[in-house]
Amino acid sequence: EVVHENSFDDVDIVLFSAGGDFSKEWAPKAAKAG
């Protein structure tokens, strides 16, 4: 799948390996989603 704003709503643990720019944008959003 492609990451979108609601991707992490139902996820408990996610491993990120998509580069620093991607993590900078999306890791805080995933954490905010729980």
ModelCIF file with pLDDT and N, C-alpha, C, O atoms, coordinates in Angstrom:
data_MODEL
#
_entry.id   MODEL 
#
_entity.id                         1 
_entity.type                       polymer 
_entity.pdbx_number_of_molecules   1 
#
_entity_poly.entity_id                      1 
_entity_poly.type                           'polypeptide(L)' 
_entity_poly.nstd_linkage                   no 
_entity_poly.nstd_monomer                   no 
_entity_poly.pdbx_seq_one_letter_code       EVVHENSFDDVDIVLFSAGGDFSKEWAPKAAKAG 
_entity_poly.pdbx_seq_one_letter_code_can   EVVHENSFDDVDIVLFSAGGDFSKEWAPKAAKAG 
_entity_poly.pdbx_strand_id                 A 
#
loop_
_entity_poly_seq.entity_id 
_entity_poly_seq.num 
_entity_poly_seq.mon_id 
_entity_poly_seq.hetero 
1 1  GLU n 
1 2  VAL n 
1 3  VAL n 
1 4  HIS n 
1 5  GLU n 
1 6  ASN n 
1 7  SER n 
1 8  PHE n 
1 9  ASP n 
1 10 ASP n 
1 11 VAL n 
1 12 ASP n 
1 13 ILE n 
1 14 VAL n 
1 15 LEU n 
1 16 PHE n 
1 17 SER n 
1 18 ALA n 
1 19 GLY n 
1 20 GLY n 
1 21 ASP n 
1 22 PHE n 
1 23 SER n 
1 24 LYS n 
1 25 GLU n 
1 26 TRP n 
1 27 ALA n 
1 28 PRO n 
1 29 LYS n 
1 30 ALA n 
1 31 ALA n 
1 32 LYS n 
1 33 ALA n 
1 34 GLY n 
#
_struct_asym.id          A 
_struct_asym.entity_id   1 
#
loop_
_ma_qa_metric.id 
_ma_qa_metric.mode 
_ma_qa_metric.name 
_ma_qa_metric.software_group_id 
_ma_qa_metric.type 
1 global pLDDT . pLDDT 
2 local  pLDDT . pLDDT 
#
_ma_qa_metric_global.metric_id      1 
_ma_qa_metric_global.metric_value   95.82 
_ma_qa_metric_global.model_id       1 
_ma_qa_metric_global.ordinal_id     1 
#
loop_
_ma_qa_metric_local.label_asym_id 
_ma_qa_metric_local.label_comp_id 
_ma_qa_metric_local.label_seq_id 
_ma_qa_metric_local.metric_id 
_ma_qa_metric_local.metric_value 
_ma_qa_metric_local.model_id 
_ma_qa_metric_local.ordinal_id 
A GLU 1  2 97.00 1 1  
A VAL 2  2 97.00 1 2  
A VAL 3  2 97.00 1 3  
A HIS 4  2 95.00 1 4  
A GLU 5  2 94.00 1 5  
A ASN 6  2 94.00 1 6  
A SER 7  2 96.00 1 7  
A PHE 8  2 96.00 1 8  
A ASP 9  2 94.00 1 9  
A ASP 10 2 93.00 1 10 
A VAL 11 2 96.00 1 11 
A ASP 12 2 95.00 1 12 
A ILE 13 2 96.00 1 13 
A VAL 14 2 98.00 1 14 
A LEU 15 2 98.00 1 15 
A PHE 16 2 98.00 1 16 
A SER 17 2 95.00 1 17 
A ALA 18 2 94.00 1 18 
A GLY 19 2 92.00 1 19 
A GLY 20 2 95.00 1 20 
A ASP 21 2 96.00 1 21 
A PHE 22 2 96.00 1 22 
A SER 23 2 97.00 1 23 
A LYS 24 2 97.00 1 24 
A GLU 25 2 97.00 1 25 
A TRP 26 2 98.00 1 26 
A ALA 27 2 97.00 1 27 
A PRO 28 2 97.00 1 28 
A LYS 29 2 97.00 1 29 
A ALA 30 2 97.00 1 30 
A ALA 31 2 96.00 1 31 
A LYS 32 2 95.00 1 32 
A ALA 33 2 95.00 1 33 
A GLY 34 2 93.00 1 34 
#
loop_
_atom_site.group_PDB 
_atom_site.id 
_atom_site.type_symbol 
_atom_site.label_atom_id 
_atom_site.label_alt_id 
_atom_site.label_comp_id 
_atom_site.label_asym_id 
_atom_site.label_entity_id 
_atom_site.label_seq_id 
_atom_site.pdbx_PDB_ins_code 
_atom_site.Cartn_x 
_atom_site.Cartn_y 
_atom_site.Cartn_z 
_atom_site.occupancy 
_atom_site.B_iso_or_equiv 
_atom_site.pdbx_formal_charge 
_atom_site.auth_seq_id 
_atom_site.auth_comp_id 
_atom_site.auth_asym_id 
_atom_site.auth_atom_id 
_atom_site.pdbx_PDB_model_num 
ATOM 1   N N  . GLU A 1 1  ? 0.834  -1.191 0.000  1.00 97.00 ? 1  GLU A N  1 
ATOM 2   C CA . GLU A 1 1  ? 0.000  0.000  0.000  1.00 97.00 ? 1  GLU A CA 1 
ATOM 3   C C  . GLU A 1 1  ? 0.874  1.248  0.000  1.00 97.00 ? 1  GLU A C  1 
ATOM 4   O O  . GLU A 1 1  ? 2.086  1.177  0.204  1.00 97.00 ? 1  GLU A O  1 
ATOM 5   N N  . VAL A 1 2  ? 0.242  2.383  -0.231 1.00 97.00 ? 2  VAL A N  1 
ATOM 6   C CA . VAL A 1 2  ? 0.907  3.673  -0.170 1.00 97.00 ? 2  VAL A CA 1 
ATOM 7   C C  . VAL A 1 2  ? 0.448  4.380  1.097  1.00 97.00 ? 2  VAL A C  1 
ATOM 8   O O  . VAL A 1 2  ? -0.739 4.371  1.421  1.00 97.00 ? 2  VAL A O  1 
ATOM 9   N N  . VAL A 1 3  ? 1.381  4.990  1.809  1.00 97.00 ? 3  VAL A N  1 
ATOM 10  C CA . VAL A 1 3  ? 1.045  5.668  3.057  1.00 97.00 ? 3  VAL A CA 1 
ATOM 11  C C  . VAL A 1 3  ? 0.145  6.866  2.782  1.00 97.00 ? 3  VAL A C  1 
ATOM 12  O O  . VAL A 1 3  ? 0.390  7.653  1.867  1.00 97.00 ? 3  VAL A O  1 
ATOM 13  N N  . HIS A 1 4  ? -0.905 6.985  3.599  1.00 95.00 ? 4  HIS A N  1 
ATOM 14  C CA . HIS A 1 4  ? -1.783 8.149  3.540  1.00 95.00 ? 4  HIS A CA 1 
ATOM 15  C C  . HIS A 1 4  ? -2.132 8.561  4.965  1.00 95.00 ? 4  HIS A C  1 
ATOM 16  O O  . HIS A 1 4  ? -1.678 7.931  5.920  1.00 95.00 ? 4  HIS A O  1 
ATOM 17  N N  . GLU A 1 5  ? -2.919 9.592  5.113  1.00 94.00 ? 5  GLU A N  1 
ATOM 18  C CA . GLU A 1 5  ? -3.159 10.199 6.418  1.00 94.00 ? 5  GLU A CA 1 
ATOM 19  C C  . GLU A 1 5  ? -3.745 9.230  7.443  1.00 94.00 ? 5  GLU A C  1 
ATOM 20  O O  . GLU A 1 5  ? -3.490 9.374  8.639  1.00 94.00 ? 5  GLU A O  1 
ATOM 21  N N  . ASN A 1 6  ? -4.518 8.255  7.001  1.00 94.00 ? 6  ASN A N  1 
ATOM 22  C CA . ASN A 1 6  ? -5.181 7.340  7.931  1.00 94.00 ? 6  ASN A CA 1 
ATOM 23  C C  . ASN A 1 6  ? -4.520 5.961  7.979  1.00 94.00 ? 6  ASN A C  1 
ATOM 24  O O  . ASN A 1 6  ? -5.086 5.015  8.528  1.00 94.00 ? 6  ASN A O  1 
ATOM 25  N N  . SER A 1 7  ? -3.336 5.853  7.411  1.00 96.00 ? 7  SER A N  1 
ATOM 26  C CA . SER A 1 7  ? -2.690 4.535  7.311  1.00 96.00 ? 7  SER A CA 1 
ATOM 27  C C  . SER A 1 7  ? -2.452 3.877  8.659  1.00 96.00 ? 7  SER A C  1 
ATOM 28  O O  . SER A 1 7  ? -2.530 2.654  8.773  1.00 96.00 ? 7  SER A O  1 
ATOM 29  N N  . PHE A 1 8  ? -2.159 4.678  9.689  1.00 96.00 ? 8  PHE A N  1 
ATOM 30  C CA . PHE A 1 8  ? -1.695 4.099  10.950 1.00 96.00 ? 8  PHE A CA 1 
ATOM 31  C C  . PHE A 1 8  ? -2.765 4.068  12.040 1.00 96.00 ? 8  PHE A C  1 
ATOM 32  O O  . PHE A 1 8  ? -2.469 3.779  13.199 1.00 96.00 ? 8  PHE A O  1 
ATOM 33  N N  . ASP A 1 9  ? -4.005 4.367  11.663 1.00 94.00 ? 9  ASP A N  1 
ATOM 34  C CA . ASP A 1 9  ? -5.070 4.435  12.668 1.00 94.00 ? 9  ASP A CA 1 
ATOM 35  C C  . ASP A 1 9  ? -5.290 3.109  13.377 1.00 94.00 ? 9  ASP A C  1 
ATOM 36  O O  . ASP A 1 9  ? -5.645 3.093  14.556 1.00 94.00 ? 9  ASP A O  1 
ATOM 37  N N  . ASP A 1 10 ? -5.087 2.000  12.683 1.00 93.00 ? 10 ASP A N  1 
ATOM 38  C CA . ASP A 1 10 ? -5.356 0.682  13.268 1.00 93.00 ? 10 ASP A CA 1 
ATOM 39  C C  . ASP A 1 10 ? -4.089 -0.127 13.500 1.00 93.00 ? 10 ASP A C  1 
ATOM 40  O O  . ASP A 1 10 ? -4.140 -1.347 13.656 1.00 93.00 ? 10 ASP A O  1 
ATOM 41  N N  . VAL A 1 11 ? -2.956 0.557  13.522 1.00 96.00 ? 11 VAL A N  1 
ATOM 42  C CA . VAL A 1 11 ? -1.670 -0.131 13.659 1.00 96.00 ? 11 VAL A CA 1 
ATOM 43  C C  . VAL A 1 11 ? -1.092 0.124  15.047 1.00 96.00 ? 11 VAL A C  1 
ATOM 44  O O  . VAL A 1 11 ? -1.119 1.250  15.542 1.00 96.00 ? 11 VAL A O  1 
ATOM 45  N N  . ASP A 1 12 ? -0.568 -0.932 15.670 1.00 95.00 ? 12 ASP A N  1 
ATOM 46  C CA . ASP A 1 12 ? 0.027  -0.814 17.006 1.00 95.00 ? 12 ASP A CA 1 
ATOM 47  C C  . ASP A 1 12 ? 1.531  -0.550 16.948 1.00 95.00 ? 12 ASP A C  1 
ATOM 48  O O  . ASP A 1 12 ? 2.046  0.295  17.680 1.00 95.00 ? 12 ASP A O  1 
ATOM 49  N N  . ILE A 1 13 ? 2.228  -1.274 16.078 1.00 96.00 ? 13 ILE A N  1 
ATOM 50  C CA . ILE A 1 13 ? 3.685  -1.148 15.954 1.00 96.00 ? 13 ILE A CA 1 
ATOM 51  C C  . ILE A 1 13 ? 4.034  -1.047 14.474 1.00 96.00 ? 13 ILE A C  1 
ATOM 52  O O  . ILE A 1 13 ? 3.571  -1.854 13.668 1.00 96.00 ? 13 ILE A O  1 
ATOM 53  N N  . VAL A 1 14 ? 4.845  -0.060 14.117 1.00 98.00 ? 14 VAL A N  1 
ATOM 54  C CA . VAL A 1 14 ? 5.245  0.080  12.717 1.00 98.00 ? 14 VAL A CA 1 
ATOM 55  C C  . VAL A 1 14 ? 6.749  0.309  12.638 1.00 98.00 ? 14 VAL A C  1 
ATOM 56  O O  . VAL A 1 14 ? 7.311  1.092  13.404 1.00 98.00 ? 14 VAL A O  1 
ATOM 57  N N  . LEU A 1 15 ? 7.382  -0.373 11.716 1.00 98.00 ? 15 LEU A N  1 
ATOM 58  C CA . LEU A 1 15 ? 8.812  -0.233 11.469 1.00 98.00 ? 15 LEU A CA 1 
ATOM 59  C C  . LEU A 1 15 ? 9.010  0.660  10.254 1.00 98.00 ? 15 LEU A C  1 
ATOM 60  O O  . LEU A 1 15 ? 8.450  0.404  9.188  1.00 98.00 ? 15 LEU A O  1 
ATOM 61  N N  . PHE A 1 16 ? 9.807  1.705  10.419 1.00 98.00 ? 16 PHE A N  1 
ATOM 62  C CA . PHE A 1 16 ? 10.050 2.661  9.333  1.00 98.00 ? 16 PHE A CA 1 
ATOM 63  C C  . PHE A 1 16 ? 11.441 2.455  8.742  1.00 98.00 ? 16 PHE A C  1 
ATOM 64  O O  . PHE A 1 16 ? 12.434 2.434  9.470  1.00 98.00 ? 16 PHE A O  1 
ATOM 65  N N  . SER A 1 17 ? 11.507 2.306  7.432  1.00 95.00 ? 17 SER A N  1 
ATOM 66  C CA . SER A 1 17 ? 12.789 2.309  6.738  1.00 95.00 ? 17 SER A CA 1 
ATOM 67  C C  . SER A 1 17 ? 12.577 2.878  5.343  1.00 95.00 ? 17 SER A C  1 
ATOM 68  O O  . SER A 1 17 ? 12.679 2.168  4.343  1.00 95.00 ? 17 SER A O  1 
ATOM 69  N N  . ALA A 1 18 ? 12.280 4.171  5.296  1.00 94.00 ? 18 ALA A N  1 
ATOM 70  C CA . ALA A 1 18 ? 11.991 4.818  4.020  1.00 94.00 ? 18 ALA A CA 1 
ATOM 71  C C  . ALA A 1 18 ? 12.746 6.134  3.873  1.00 94.00 ? 18 ALA A C  1 
ATOM 72  O O  . ALA A 1 18 ? 12.387 6.968  3.041  1.00 94.00 ? 18 ALA A O  1 
ATOM 73  N N  . GLY A 1 19 ? 13.790 6.324  4.678  1.00 92.00 ? 19 GLY A N  1 
ATOM 74  C CA . GLY A 1 19 ? 14.592 7.536  4.565  1.00 92.00 ? 19 GLY A CA 1 
ATOM 75  C C  . GLY A 1 19 ? 14.198 8.609  5.558  1.00 92.00 ? 19 GLY A C  1 
ATOM 76  O O  . GLY A 1 19 ? 13.078 8.628  6.067  1.00 92.00 ? 19 GLY A O  1 
ATOM 77  N N  . GLY A 1 20 ? 15.145 9.509  5.825  1.00 95.00 ? 20 GLY A N  1 
ATOM 78  C CA . GLY A 1 20 ? 14.957 10.525 6.842  1.00 95.00 ? 20 GLY A CA 1 
ATOM 79  C C  . GLY A 1 20 ? 13.841 11.502 6.546  1.00 95.00 ? 20 GLY A C  1 
ATOM 80  O O  . GLY A 1 20 ? 13.078 11.855 7.446  1.00 95.00 ? 20 GLY A O  1 
ATOM 81  N N  . ASP A 1 21 ? 13.725 11.947 5.306  1.00 96.00 ? 21 ASP A N  1 
ATOM 82  C CA . ASP A 1 21 ? 12.676 12.910 4.966  1.00 96.00 ? 21 ASP A CA 1 
ATOM 83  C C  . ASP A 1 21 ? 11.292 12.324 5.186  1.00 96.00 ? 21 ASP A C  1 
ATOM 84  O O  . ASP A 1 21 ? 10.391 12.994 5.693  1.00 96.00 ? 21 ASP A O  1 
ATOM 85  N N  . PHE A 1 22 ? 11.134 11.060 4.798  1.00 96.00 ? 22 PHE A N  1 
ATOM 86  C CA . PHE A 1 22 ? 9.848  10.400 4.999  1.00 96.00 ? 22 PHE A CA 1 
ATOM 87  C C  . PHE A 1 22 ? 9.552  10.258 6.492  1.00 96.00 ? 22 PHE A C  1 
ATOM 88  O O  . PHE A 1 22 ? 8.439  10.533 6.939  1.00 96.00 ? 22 PHE A O  1 
ATOM 89  N N  . SER A 1 23 ? 10.553 9.829  7.256  1.00 97.00 ? 23 SER A N  1 
ATOM 90  C CA . SER A 1 23 ? 10.358 9.658  8.695  1.00 97.00 ? 23 SER A CA 1 
ATOM 91  C C  . SER A 1 23 ? 10.029 10.981 9.371  1.00 97.00 ? 23 SER A C  1 
ATOM 92  O O  . SER A 1 23 ? 9.182  11.038 10.262 1.00 97.00 ? 23 SER A O  1 
ATOM 93  N N  . LYS A 1 24 ? 10.700 12.039 8.945  1.00 97.00 ? 24 LYS A N  1 
ATOM 94  C CA . LYS A 1 24 ? 10.456 13.362 9.537  1.00 97.00 ? 24 LYS A CA 1 
ATOM 95  C C  . LYS A 1 24 ? 8.992  13.758 9.399  1.00 97.00 ? 24 LYS A C  1 
ATOM 96  O O  . LYS A 1 24 ? 8.412  14.334 10.320 1.00 97.00 ? 24 LYS A O  1 
ATOM 97  N N  . GLU A 1 25 ? 8.396  13.451 8.251  1.00 97.00 ? 25 GLU A N  1 
ATOM 98  C CA . GLU A 1 25 ? 7.001  13.822 8.030  1.00 97.00 ? 25 GLU A CA 1 
ATOM 99  C C  . GLU A 1 25 ? 6.025  12.854 8.672  1.00 97.00 ? 25 GLU A C  1 
ATOM 100 O O  . GLU A 1 25 ? 5.047  13.276 9.289  1.00 97.00 ? 25 GLU A O  1 
ATOM 101 N N  . TRP A 1 26 ? 6.280  11.561 8.535  1.00 98.00 ? 26 TRP A N  1 
ATOM 102 C CA . TRP A 1 26 ? 5.255  10.573 8.853  1.00 98.00 ? 26 TRP A CA 1 
ATOM 103 C C  . TRP A 1 26 ? 5.399  9.909  10.214 1.00 98.00 ? 26 TRP A C  1 
ATOM 104 O O  . TRP A 1 26 ? 4.396  9.476  10.782 1.00 98.00 ? 26 TRP A O  1 
ATOM 105 N N  . ALA A 1 27 ? 6.599  9.812  10.756 1.00 97.00 ? 27 ALA A N  1 
ATOM 106 C CA . ALA A 1 27 ? 6.742  9.167  12.068 1.00 97.00 ? 27 ALA A CA 1 
ATOM 107 C C  . ALA A 1 27 ? 5.951  9.898  13.153 1.00 97.00 ? 27 ALA A C  1 
ATOM 108 O O  . ALA A 1 27 ? 5.264  9.241  13.935 1.00 97.00 ? 27 ALA A O  1 
ATOM 109 N N  . PRO A 1 28 ? 6.017  11.235 13.233 1.00 97.00 ? 28 PRO A N  1 
ATOM 110 C CA . PRO A 1 28 ? 5.187  11.925 14.245 1.00 97.00 ? 28 PRO A CA 1 
ATOM 111 C C  . PRO A 1 28 ? 3.695  11.712 14.025 1.00 97.00 ? 28 PRO A C  1 
ATOM 112 O O  . PRO A 1 28 ? 2.931  11.629 14.987 1.00 97.00 ? 28 PRO A O  1 
ATOM 113 N N  . LYS A 1 29 ? 3.277  11.622 12.769 1.00 97.00 ? 29 LYS A N  1 
ATOM 114 C CA . LYS A 1 29 ? 1.858  11.385 12.491 1.00 97.00 ? 29 LYS A CA 1 
ATOM 115 C C  . LYS A 1 29 ? 1.445  9.990  12.949 1.00 97.00 ? 29 LYS A C  1 
ATOM 116 O O  . LYS A 1 29 ? 0.366  9.801  13.512 1.00 97.00 ? 29 LYS A O  1 
ATOM 117 N N  . ALA A 1 30 ? 2.319  9.016  12.698 1.00 97.00 ? 30 ALA A N  1 
ATOM 118 C CA . ALA A 1 30 ? 2.020  7.655  13.143 1.00 97.00 ? 30 ALA A CA 1 
ATOM 119 C C  . ALA A 1 30 ? 1.974  7.575  14.661 1.00 97.00 ? 30 ALA A C  1 
ATOM 120 O O  . ALA A 1 30 ? 1.103  6.919  15.232 1.00 97.00 ? 30 ALA A O  1 
ATOM 121 N N  . ALA A 1 31 ? 2.921  8.248  15.311 1.00 96.00 ? 31 ALA A N  1 
ATOM 122 C CA . ALA A 1 31 ? 2.937  8.261  16.783 1.00 96.00 ? 31 ALA A CA 1 
ATOM 123 C C  . ALA A 1 31 ? 1.688  8.939  17.323 1.00 96.00 ? 31 ALA A C  1 
ATOM 124 O O  . ALA A 1 31 ? 1.105  8.478  18.305 1.00 96.00 ? 31 ALA A O  1 
ATOM 125 N N  . LYS A 1 32 ? 1.275  10.027 16.691 1.00 95.00 ? 32 LYS A N  1 
ATOM 126 C CA . LYS A 1 32 ? 0.069  10.733 17.126 1.00 95.00 ? 32 LYS A CA 1 
ATOM 127 C C  . LYS A 1 32 ? -1.164 9.853  16.971 1.00 95.00 ? 32 LYS A C  1 
ATOM 128 O O  . LYS A 1 32 ? -2.118 9.958  17.741 1.00 95.00 ? 32 LYS A O  1 
ATOM 129 N N  . ALA A 1 33 ? -1.132 8.980  15.962 1.00 95.00 ? 33 ALA A N  1 
ATOM 130 C CA . ALA A 1 33 ? -2.245 8.051  15.752 1.00 95.00 ? 33 ALA A CA 1 
ATOM 131 C C  . ALA A 1 33 ? -2.232 6.906  16.746 1.00 95.00 ? 33 ALA A C  1 
ATOM 132 O O  . ALA A 1 33 ? -3.144 6.078  16.750 1.00 95.00 ? 33 ALA A O  1 
ATOM 133 N N  . GLY A 1 34 ? -1.196 6.847  17.601 1.00 93.00 ? 34 GLY A N  1 
ATOM 134 C CA . GLY A 1 34 ? -1.133 5.819  18.631 1.00 93.00 ? 34 GLY A CA 1 
ATOM 135 C C  . GLY A 1 34 ? -0.206 4.674  18.335 1.00 93.00 ? 34 GLY A C  1 
ATOM 136 O O  . GLY A 1 34 ? -0.083 3.754  19.144 1.00 93.00 ? 34 GLY A O  1 
#
